[in-house]
N, C-alpha and C. Protein backbone atom coordinates (compact mmCIF):
# COMPACT_ATOMS: atom_id res chain seq x y z
N MET A 1 99.23 104.05 103.00
CA MET A 1 98.77 102.87 102.29
C MET A 1 98.56 101.72 103.25
N TYR A 2 99.52 101.49 104.14
CA TYR A 2 99.42 100.35 105.03
C TYR A 2 98.15 100.41 105.87
N ASP A 3 97.78 101.59 106.36
CA ASP A 3 96.58 101.71 107.18
C ASP A 3 95.34 101.27 106.42
N HIS A 4 95.29 101.58 105.14
CA HIS A 4 94.13 101.19 104.32
C HIS A 4 94.14 99.69 104.03
N VAL A 5 95.29 99.13 103.80
CA VAL A 5 95.40 97.71 103.48
C VAL A 5 95.19 96.84 104.71
N SER A 6 95.65 97.31 105.86
CA SER A 6 95.56 96.48 107.08
C SER A 6 94.12 96.22 107.49
N GLY A 7 93.18 97.00 107.01
CA GLY A 7 91.78 96.77 107.32
C GLY A 7 91.11 95.79 106.38
N THR A 8 91.88 95.18 105.50
CA THR A 8 91.34 94.22 104.53
C THR A 8 91.98 92.86 104.76
N GLU A 9 91.66 91.93 103.89
CA GLU A 9 92.27 90.60 103.96
C GLU A 9 93.61 90.57 103.22
N ALA A 10 94.03 91.71 102.67
CA ALA A 10 95.25 91.78 101.87
C ALA A 10 96.49 91.89 102.76
N GLU A 11 97.62 91.51 102.19
CA GLU A 11 98.93 91.65 102.83
C GLU A 11 99.74 92.65 102.03
N LEU A 12 100.44 93.51 102.71
CA LEU A 12 101.33 94.46 102.04
C LEU A 12 102.76 94.01 102.26
N LEU A 13 103.51 93.88 101.17
CA LEU A 13 104.93 93.50 101.24
C LEU A 13 105.72 94.49 100.40
N GLY A 14 106.90 94.83 100.87
CA GLY A 14 107.82 95.62 100.07
C GLY A 14 108.94 94.71 99.59
N ILE A 15 109.36 94.89 98.36
CA ILE A 15 110.47 94.10 97.82
C ILE A 15 111.45 95.07 97.17
N SER A 16 112.71 94.90 97.49
CA SER A 16 113.74 95.78 96.96
C SER A 16 114.97 94.96 96.58
N GLY A 17 115.76 95.51 95.69
CA GLY A 17 116.99 94.86 95.28
C GLY A 17 118.14 95.11 96.24
N ASP A 18 117.89 95.88 97.27
CA ASP A 18 118.93 96.18 98.25
C ASP A 18 119.20 94.98 99.15
N HIS A 19 120.37 94.97 99.74
CA HIS A 19 120.76 93.91 100.67
C HIS A 19 119.95 94.05 101.96
N ILE A 20 119.79 92.96 102.66
CA ILE A 20 119.00 92.94 103.90
C ILE A 20 119.51 93.95 104.93
N TRP A 21 120.81 94.21 104.95
CA TRP A 21 121.35 95.18 105.92
C TRP A 21 120.93 96.59 105.55
N ALA A 22 120.82 96.88 104.26
CA ALA A 22 120.31 98.19 103.83
C ALA A 22 118.85 98.33 104.21
N HIS A 23 118.09 97.26 104.10
CA HIS A 23 116.68 97.28 104.51
C HIS A 23 116.56 97.56 106.00
N LYS A 24 117.40 96.90 106.76
CA LYS A 24 117.37 97.09 108.22
C LYS A 24 117.66 98.55 108.57
N ALA A 25 118.67 99.12 107.95
CA ALA A 25 119.03 100.52 108.22
C ALA A 25 117.90 101.45 107.78
N TYR A 26 117.28 101.17 106.64
CA TYR A 26 116.18 101.99 106.14
C TYR A 26 115.00 101.93 107.11
N ALA A 27 114.62 100.74 107.51
CA ALA A 27 113.50 100.58 108.44
C ALA A 27 113.79 101.29 109.76
N GLU A 28 115.00 101.15 110.26
CA GLU A 28 115.36 101.81 111.52
C GLU A 28 115.33 103.33 111.38
N SER A 29 115.72 103.85 110.21
CA SER A 29 115.70 105.30 110.01
C SER A 29 114.28 105.86 110.03
N LEU A 30 113.31 105.00 109.75
CA LEU A 30 111.90 105.41 109.77
C LEU A 30 111.22 105.07 111.09
N GLY A 31 111.97 104.51 112.01
CA GLY A 31 111.36 104.09 113.27
C GLY A 31 110.64 102.77 113.15
N GLY A 32 110.98 101.99 112.14
CA GLY A 32 110.35 100.68 111.92
C GLY A 32 109.33 100.74 110.80
N LEU A 33 109.01 99.59 110.28
CA LEU A 33 108.00 99.46 109.24
C LEU A 33 106.93 98.48 109.71
N PRO A 34 105.66 98.75 109.41
CA PRO A 34 104.59 97.85 109.85
C PRO A 34 104.37 96.66 108.92
N PHE A 35 105.22 96.51 107.91
CA PHE A 35 105.09 95.43 106.95
C PHE A 35 106.47 94.89 106.61
N PRO A 36 106.54 93.65 106.11
CA PRO A 36 107.84 93.07 105.75
C PRO A 36 108.45 93.75 104.52
N LEU A 37 109.75 93.91 104.56
CA LEU A 37 110.51 94.42 103.42
C LEU A 37 111.46 93.31 103.00
N LEU A 38 111.21 92.73 101.84
CA LEU A 38 111.95 91.57 101.39
C LEU A 38 113.12 91.96 100.50
N ALA A 39 114.24 91.28 100.67
CA ALA A 39 115.44 91.56 99.89
C ALA A 39 115.51 90.65 98.67
N ASP A 40 115.51 91.24 97.50
CA ASP A 40 115.65 90.51 96.24
C ASP A 40 117.01 90.85 95.65
N TRP A 41 118.03 90.57 96.42
CA TRP A 41 119.39 90.97 96.08
C TRP A 41 119.85 90.39 94.75
N GLY A 42 119.41 89.19 94.43
CA GLY A 42 119.78 88.57 93.15
C GLY A 42 118.87 88.97 92.00
N MET A 43 117.88 89.81 92.27
CA MET A 43 116.93 90.32 91.27
C MET A 43 116.08 89.21 90.65
N ASP A 44 115.92 88.10 91.34
CA ASP A 44 115.12 86.99 90.81
C ASP A 44 113.65 87.36 90.70
N VAL A 45 113.10 87.98 91.74
CA VAL A 45 111.68 88.34 91.74
C VAL A 45 111.42 89.45 90.73
N THR A 46 112.32 90.44 90.67
CA THR A 46 112.11 91.54 89.73
C THR A 46 112.14 91.04 88.28
N ARG A 47 112.98 90.08 88.00
CA ARG A 47 113.00 89.50 86.64
C ARG A 47 111.72 88.71 86.38
N LEU A 48 111.32 87.92 87.36
CA LEU A 48 110.12 87.10 87.22
C LEU A 48 108.88 87.95 86.92
N TYR A 49 108.79 89.11 87.55
CA TYR A 49 107.62 89.98 87.37
C TYR A 49 107.84 91.05 86.29
N GLY A 50 108.96 90.98 85.59
CA GLY A 50 109.19 91.87 84.46
C GLY A 50 109.47 93.31 84.83
N VAL A 51 110.07 93.54 85.99
CA VAL A 51 110.35 94.91 86.42
C VAL A 51 111.84 95.14 86.71
N HIS A 52 112.68 94.38 86.03
CA HIS A 52 114.12 94.54 86.21
C HIS A 52 114.66 95.53 85.18
N ASN A 53 115.38 96.53 85.64
CA ASN A 53 116.03 97.49 84.76
C ASN A 53 117.44 96.97 84.50
N SER A 54 117.63 96.32 83.37
CA SER A 54 118.91 95.66 83.09
C SER A 54 120.05 96.66 82.89
N GLU A 55 119.76 97.86 82.42
CA GLU A 55 120.81 98.87 82.24
C GLU A 55 121.43 99.28 83.57
N ARG A 56 120.60 99.40 84.60
CA ARG A 56 121.08 99.85 85.91
C ARG A 56 121.19 98.71 86.92
N ASN A 57 120.74 97.51 86.52
CA ASN A 57 120.68 96.35 87.42
C ASN A 57 119.94 96.68 88.71
N THR A 58 118.79 97.31 88.54
CA THR A 58 117.94 97.67 89.67
C THR A 58 116.50 97.32 89.32
N PRO A 59 115.66 97.15 90.33
CA PRO A 59 114.24 96.95 90.04
C PRO A 59 113.57 98.28 89.71
N LYS A 60 112.57 98.23 88.85
CA LYS A 60 111.73 99.40 88.60
C LYS A 60 110.71 99.47 89.73
N ARG A 61 110.27 100.67 90.06
CA ARG A 61 109.21 100.80 91.07
C ARG A 61 107.92 100.30 90.44
N ALA A 62 107.24 99.41 91.13
CA ALA A 62 106.02 98.81 90.60
C ALA A 62 105.09 98.43 91.74
N ALA A 63 103.85 98.16 91.41
CA ALA A 63 102.87 97.68 92.39
C ALA A 63 102.10 96.52 91.75
N PHE A 64 101.85 95.50 92.56
CA PHE A 64 101.13 94.32 92.09
C PHE A 64 100.04 93.96 93.09
N VAL A 65 98.96 93.42 92.58
CA VAL A 65 97.92 92.83 93.43
C VAL A 65 97.80 91.37 92.98
N ILE A 66 98.04 90.48 93.92
CA ILE A 66 98.01 89.04 93.66
C ILE A 66 96.95 88.44 94.58
N ASP A 67 96.04 87.64 94.02
CA ASP A 67 94.97 87.09 94.85
C ASP A 67 95.45 85.89 95.67
N ARG A 68 94.54 85.34 96.46
CA ARG A 68 94.89 84.22 97.36
C ARG A 68 95.38 82.98 96.63
N GLU A 69 94.95 82.82 95.39
CA GLU A 69 95.36 81.66 94.60
C GLU A 69 96.69 81.90 93.89
N GLY A 70 97.26 83.08 94.07
CA GLY A 70 98.52 83.41 93.43
C GLY A 70 98.38 83.98 92.03
N VAL A 71 97.16 84.36 91.66
CA VAL A 71 96.91 84.92 90.33
C VAL A 71 97.17 86.43 90.36
N LEU A 72 97.98 86.89 89.43
CA LEU A 72 98.27 88.32 89.31
C LEU A 72 97.02 89.01 88.78
N ARG A 73 96.44 89.90 89.58
CA ARG A 73 95.21 90.59 89.21
C ARG A 73 95.45 92.02 88.72
N PHE A 74 96.58 92.60 89.11
CA PHE A 74 96.86 93.98 88.75
C PHE A 74 98.37 94.20 88.76
N LYS A 75 98.83 95.01 87.79
CA LYS A 75 100.26 95.30 87.69
C LYS A 75 100.42 96.74 87.21
N ASN A 76 101.15 97.54 87.95
CA ASN A 76 101.50 98.90 87.53
C ASN A 76 103.02 98.98 87.56
N THR A 77 103.64 98.96 86.40
CA THR A 77 105.11 98.97 86.34
C THR A 77 105.67 100.39 86.23
N ALA A 78 104.82 101.38 86.40
CA ALA A 78 105.26 102.77 86.41
C ALA A 78 104.76 103.45 87.68
N PHE A 79 104.69 102.69 88.77
CA PHE A 79 104.14 103.20 90.02
C PHE A 79 104.96 104.39 90.51
N ASP A 80 104.27 105.47 90.81
CA ASP A 80 104.91 106.69 91.32
C ASP A 80 104.44 106.89 92.76
N ALA A 81 105.35 106.75 93.69
CA ALA A 81 105.01 106.85 95.12
C ALA A 81 104.51 108.24 95.49
N ARG A 82 104.73 109.22 94.63
CA ARG A 82 104.26 110.59 94.90
C ARG A 82 102.87 110.85 94.34
N ASP A 83 102.31 109.89 93.62
CA ASP A 83 101.02 110.07 92.96
C ASP A 83 99.91 109.39 93.75
N PRO A 84 99.07 110.16 94.44
CA PRO A 84 97.98 109.57 95.22
C PRO A 84 97.04 108.71 94.37
N GLY A 85 96.93 109.02 93.09
CA GLY A 85 96.08 108.24 92.20
C GLY A 85 96.57 106.81 92.04
N HIS A 86 97.87 106.61 92.10
CA HIS A 86 98.41 105.25 91.99
C HIS A 86 98.05 104.43 93.22
N TYR A 87 98.09 105.05 94.39
CA TYR A 87 97.67 104.35 95.61
C TYR A 87 96.18 104.01 95.54
N ALA A 88 95.38 104.97 95.09
CA ALA A 88 93.94 104.75 94.98
C ALA A 88 93.65 103.60 94.03
N GLU A 89 94.41 103.52 92.95
CA GLU A 89 94.24 102.45 91.97
C GLU A 89 94.50 101.08 92.60
N VAL A 90 95.56 100.98 93.38
CA VAL A 90 95.89 99.71 94.05
C VAL A 90 94.80 99.35 95.05
N LEU A 91 94.36 100.32 95.84
CA LEU A 91 93.32 100.06 96.84
C LEU A 91 92.01 99.63 96.18
N GLU A 92 91.69 100.21 95.04
CA GLU A 92 90.49 99.81 94.30
C GLU A 92 90.60 98.36 93.84
N GLN A 93 91.77 97.98 93.37
CA GLN A 93 91.99 96.60 92.94
C GLN A 93 91.86 95.62 94.11
N ILE A 94 92.38 96.02 95.26
CA ILE A 94 92.27 95.17 96.46
C ILE A 94 90.80 95.01 96.85
N ALA A 95 90.06 96.11 96.81
CA ALA A 95 88.64 96.07 97.17
C ALA A 95 87.84 95.17 96.23
N ASP A 96 88.29 95.04 94.99
CA ASP A 96 87.59 94.23 93.99
C ASP A 96 87.97 92.76 94.02
N LEU A 97 88.90 92.38 94.89
CA LEU A 97 89.30 90.97 94.96
C LEU A 97 88.13 90.11 95.42
N PRO A 98 88.00 88.92 94.85
CA PRO A 98 86.91 88.03 95.28
C PRO A 98 87.11 87.53 96.70
């Protein structure tokens, strides 16, 4: 995904409810990440975007496309990282940004 996004004007960010130290360990286990991984330890962002699983106190896996003005253009709150179609859907939305 990152290779496709890096050729556009879009920015790719990862956000997780894990602590920053867990992010660091995860990134190191992969040999580094080419994009920022943000810690939403208090679940503020996940609540704001409606993807907080209150039963488990974890974020749901989701994908968003937000334009330069901060307008939410696309939201998939059932994003499946194993489904190539979900990646294609996000890339299509990025390509359609003004």
